[in-house]
């Protein structure tokens, strides 16, 4: 286990240790049911706060997602803690008020937390989609550019330059319906590289024409879809 993990574990356990020591020293084990309900909810809220990272959606905005969820869990924890301490001190014989209040707070927390997680999922999916769209144009043009650097034949080079220009000026925006043709364009690059390494002029021209047709078709469909 890494040293940082051990330190975080110690920090996380500090509250529980201190709280439990104070709870049992001041009140002992002979406490009302409402106090034990509050005791349980305080532990639950704290464990959910410590487990914040488990609810964070991975992605470019993970830090923002973590902050929003941590803020929600922190608010929930402090509400439960304050409410729980009040019920522990008052220690009413009727447990219903303590249970209902804690259930209401937990219910609100659950709704807010999951709503936030759903929003984070949508944001992350949009980011991934946007990154794919950028990568499609950037990666394909970079691949064609690297191929152009090793071709000497003027006729072949002009053909590939045309493919490069069309790709480079293609809209970054994409659409789910275009995934198939975009995948075919990307998959055709290894074939083009092989034709270049074999110095097969006819195969290079054929692959370039095929790619140009697919890129133009992709862009045409994109205009229709948008």
Protein backbone atom coordinates (compact mmCIF):
# COMPACT_ATOMS: atom_id res chain seq x y z
CA UNK A 1 0.00 0.00 0.00
CA UNK A 2 1.30 3.43 -0.92
CA UNK A 3 2.27 5.80 1.88
CA UNK A 4 -0.26 8.39 0.67
CA UNK A 5 -3.05 5.80 0.84
CA UNK A 6 -2.09 4.97 4.42
CA UNK A 7 -2.09 8.66 5.35
CA UNK A 8 -5.50 9.19 3.76
CA UNK A 9 -6.84 6.15 5.60
CA UNK A 10 -5.58 7.57 8.91
CA UNK A 11 -7.15 10.95 8.16
CA UNK A 12 -10.44 9.28 7.21
CA UNK A 13 -10.54 7.20 10.40
CA UNK A 14 -9.70 10.13 12.70
CA UNK A 15 -13.24 11.50 12.79
CA UNK A 16 -14.82 8.09 13.42
CA UNK A 17 -12.39 7.33 16.23
CA UNK A 18 -12.87 10.68 17.97
CA UNK A 19 -16.65 10.64 17.48
CA UNK A 20 -16.99 7.11 18.87
CA UNK A 21 -14.78 7.87 21.88
CA UNK A 22 -16.86 10.95 22.73
CA UNK A 23 -20.14 9.14 22.07
CA UNK A 24 -19.40 6.25 24.43
CA UNK A 25 -17.56 8.25 27.11
CA UNK A 26 -20.32 10.86 27.38
CA UNK A 27 -23.32 8.61 26.84
CA UNK A 28 -22.18 5.06 27.37
CA UNK A 29 -23.94 2.12 25.76
CA UNK A 30 -27.26 2.63 27.53
CA UNK A 31 -28.76 5.15 25.12
CA UNK A 32 -32.17 5.66 23.56
CA UNK A 33 -33.11 4.15 20.23
CA UNK A 34 -33.27 7.65 18.69
CA UNK A 35 -29.64 8.20 19.71
CA UNK A 36 -28.58 4.93 18.10
CA UNK A 37 -30.47 5.84 14.92
CA UNK A 38 -28.61 9.14 14.78
CA UNK A 39 -25.35 7.32 15.51
CA UNK A 40 -25.92 5.01 12.56
CA UNK A 41 -26.89 7.76 10.12
CA UNK A 42 -23.84 9.85 11.09
CA UNK A 43 -21.59 6.90 10.27
CA UNK A 44 -23.43 6.29 7.00
CA UNK A 45 -23.12 9.94 5.94
CA UNK A 46 -19.42 10.01 6.78
CA UNK A 47 -18.69 6.79 4.87
CA UNK A 48 -20.51 8.19 1.82
CA UNK A 49 -18.42 11.35 2.09
CA UNK A 50 -15.19 9.34 2.27
CA UNK A 51 -16.33 7.24 -0.70
CA UNK A 52 -16.87 10.30 -2.91
CA UNK A 53 -14.37 9.09 -5.53
CA UNK A 54 -16.51 6.02 -6.19
CA UNK A 55 -19.28 8.27 -7.53
CA UNK A 56 -17.04 10.37 -9.78
CA UNK A 57 -17.35 9.86 -13.53
CA UNK A 58 -13.93 9.58 -15.16
CA UNK A 59 -13.20 12.02 -17.92
CA UNK A 60 -11.73 15.36 -18.85
CA UNK A 61 -13.84 17.15 -16.25
CA UNK A 62 -13.30 14.61 -13.46
CA UNK A 63 -12.03 17.33 -11.09
CA UNK A 64 -15.23 19.33 -11.58
CA UNK A 65 -17.36 16.20 -11.14
CA UNK A 66 -15.48 15.34 -7.94
CA UNK A 67 -15.96 18.84 -6.52
CA UNK A 68 -19.70 18.87 -7.19
CA UNK A 69 -20.26 15.43 -5.66
CA UNK A 70 -17.98 16.21 -2.72
CA UNK A 71 -19.97 19.40 -2.08
CA UNK A 72 -23.24 17.46 -2.08
CA UNK A 73 -21.88 14.71 0.19
CA UNK A 74 -20.29 17.27 2.54
CA UNK A 75 -23.57 19.15 2.89
CA UNK A 76 -25.39 15.88 3.56
CA UNK A 77 -22.83 14.83 6.17
CA UNK A 78 -22.95 18.10 8.10
CA UNK A 79 -26.77 18.15 8.07
CA UNK A 80 -26.88 14.58 9.37
CA UNK A 81 -24.15 15.32 11.94
CA UNK A 82 -25.84 18.43 13.33
CA UNK A 83 -29.29 16.80 13.34
CA UNK A 84 -27.87 13.62 14.83
CA UNK A 85 -26.05 15.43 17.65
CA UNK A 86 -29.26 17.29 18.52
CA UNK A 87 -31.21 14.03 18.79
CA UNK A 88 -28.37 12.37 20.72
CA UNK A 89 -28.36 15.23 23.25
CA UNK A 90 -32.12 15.43 23.53
CA UNK A 91 -32.43 11.63 23.36
CA UNK A 92 -36.24 11.45 23.03
CA UNK A 93 -37.83 8.14 23.98
CA UNK A 94 -39.89 8.17 20.79
CA UNK A 95 -37.51 7.29 17.96
CA UNK A 96 -39.88 8.17 15.11
CA UNK A 97 -38.89 11.84 14.82
CA UNK A 98 -35.17 11.01 14.65
CA UNK A 99 -35.77 8.29 12.06
CA UNK A 100 -38.10 10.34 9.86
CA UNK A 101 -35.87 13.43 9.85
CA UNK A 102 -32.78 11.39 8.94
CA UNK A 103 -34.69 9.49 6.26
CA UNK A 104 -35.91 12.76 4.72
CA UNK A 105 -32.37 14.21 4.66
CA UNK A 106 -30.99 10.98 3.17
CA UNK A 107 -33.78 10.86 0.58
CA UNK A 108 -33.10 14.42 -0.56
CA UNK A 109 -29.37 13.65 -0.67
CA UNK A 110 -29.97 10.55 -2.80
CA UNK A 111 -32.11 12.44 -5.32
CA UNK A 112 -29.64 15.35 -5.58
CA UNK A 113 -26.62 13.02 -5.78
CA UNK A 114 -28.03 10.79 -8.50
CA UNK A 115 -29.35 13.77 -10.48
CA UNK A 116 -25.86 15.24 -10.38
CA UNK A 117 -24.31 11.91 -11.40
CA UNK A 118 -26.69 11.66 -14.38
CA UNK A 119 -25.77 15.20 -15.44
CA UNK A 120 -22.07 14.31 -15.11
CA UNK A 121 -22.59 11.22 -17.27
CA UNK A 122 -24.17 13.33 -20.01
CA UNK A 123 -21.34 15.87 -19.80
CA UNK A 124 -18.67 13.16 -19.96
CA UNK A 125 -20.35 11.46 -22.93
CA UNK A 126 -20.52 14.80 -24.76
CA UNK A 127 -16.81 15.37 -24.06
CA UNK A 128 -15.91 11.90 -25.33
CA UNK A 129 -17.96 12.45 -28.46
CA UNK A 130 -16.33 15.81 -29.04
CA UNK A 131 -12.86 14.32 -28.52
CA UNK A 132 -13.62 11.56 -31.04
CA UNK A 133 -14.75 14.16 -33.56
CA UNK A 134 -11.54 16.15 -33.12
CA UNK A 135 -9.39 13.01 -33.24
CA UNK A 136 -10.99 11.83 -36.49
CA UNK A 137 -9.87 14.90 -38.45
CA UNK A 138 -6.59 15.43 -36.56
CA UNK A 139 -5.38 11.83 -36.72
CA UNK A 140 -6.32 11.16 -40.33
CA UNK A 141 -4.73 14.37 -41.62
CA UNK A 142 -1.60 13.65 -39.55
CA UNK A 143 -1.36 10.16 -41.07
CA UNK A 144 -1.74 11.47 -44.64
CA UNK A 145 0.79 14.22 -43.94
CA UNK A 146 3.36 11.66 -42.77
CA UNK A 147 2.79 9.61 -45.93
CA UNK A 148 3.19 12.69 -48.14
CA UNK A 149 6.63 13.31 -46.67
CA UNK A 150 8.00 10.04 -48.07
CA UNK A 151 6.48 10.20 -51.58
CA UNK A 152 8.56 11.55 -54.46
CA UNK A 153 6.28 10.82 -57.42
CA UNK A 154 4.62 14.14 -58.37
CA UNK A 155 1.43 12.62 -59.77
CA UNK A 156 0.87 10.42 -56.72
CA UNK A 157 1.76 13.24 -54.37
CA UNK A 158 -0.84 15.56 -55.95
CA UNK A 159 -3.47 12.86 -55.55
CA UNK A 160 -2.67 12.45 -51.87
CA UNK A 161 -2.48 16.20 -51.34
CA UNK A 162 -6.04 16.43 -52.59
CA UNK A 163 -7.09 13.82 -50.04
CA UNK A 164 -5.19 15.73 -47.35
CA UNK A 165 -6.85 19.04 -48.27
CA UNK A 166 -10.35 17.56 -48.21
CA UNK A 167 -9.68 15.87 -44.87
CA UNK A 168 -8.08 18.97 -43.38
CA UNK A 169 -11.04 21.14 -44.32
CA UNK A 170 -13.63 18.57 -43.24
CA UNK A 171 -16.00 19.68 -40.45
CA UNK A 172 -14.88 18.51 -37.01
CA UNK A 173 -18.51 18.02 -36.04
CA UNK A 174 -19.71 14.46 -36.52
CA UNK A 175 -22.82 12.33 -36.11
CA UNK A 176 -23.49 8.77 -34.83
CA UNK A 177 -24.74 7.77 -38.30
CA UNK A 178 -21.29 8.54 -39.73
CA UNK A 179 -19.37 6.24 -37.39
CA UNK A 180 -19.26 3.42 -39.94
CA UNK A 181 -17.85 5.46 -42.84
CA UNK A 182 -15.41 7.31 -40.55
CA UNK A 183 -14.16 3.96 -39.27
CA UNK A 184 -13.68 2.80 -42.88
CA UNK A 185 -11.68 5.94 -43.67
CA UNK A 186 -9.42 5.36 -40.67
CA UNK A 187 -9.10 1.65 -41.51
CA UNK A 188 -8.03 2.44 -45.09
CA UNK A 189 -4.88 4.27 -43.93
CA UNK A 190 -2.88 1.06 -43.21
CA UNK A 191 -3.70 -0.14 -46.75
CA UNK A 192 -2.43 3.16 -48.15
CA UNK A 193 0.75 2.87 -46.09
CA UNK A 194 1.34 -0.65 -47.39
CA UNK A 195 0.91 0.49 -50.98
CA UNK A 196 3.44 3.26 -50.36
CA UNK A 197 5.93 0.89 -48.72
CA UNK A 198 5.55 -1.46 -51.72
CA UNK A 199 6.05 1.51 -54.04
CA UNK A 200 2.93 0.42 -55.89
CA UNK A 201 1.80 3.50 -57.77
CA UNK A 202 -1.47 2.00 -59.00
CA UNK A 203 -2.42 0.79 -55.52
CA UNK A 204 -1.57 4.18 -54.00
CA UNK A 205 -3.74 6.02 -56.53
CA UNK A 206 -6.55 3.49 -56.05
CA UNK A 207 -6.45 3.79 -52.27
CA UNK A 208 -6.29 7.58 -52.49
CA UNK A 209 -9.32 7.66 -54.82
CA UNK A 210 -11.26 5.34 -52.52
CA UNK A 211 -10.41 7.44 -49.48
CA UNK A 212 -11.30 10.68 -51.28
CA UNK A 213 -14.67 9.22 -52.27
CA UNK A 214 -15.39 8.13 -48.70
CA UNK A 215 -14.36 11.50 -47.22
CA UNK A 216 -16.54 13.40 -49.70
CA UNK A 217 -19.40 11.00 -48.99
CA UNK A 218 -18.94 11.47 -45.25
CA UNK A 219 -18.99 15.27 -45.59
CA UNK A 220 -22.03 15.16 -47.87
CA UNK A 221 -23.98 13.04 -45.39
CA UNK A 222 -22.91 15.36 -42.58
CA UNK A 223 -24.38 18.37 -44.40
CA UNK A 224 -27.66 16.50 -44.85
CA UNK A 225 -27.79 15.44 -41.21
CA UNK A 226 -27.15 18.93 -39.88
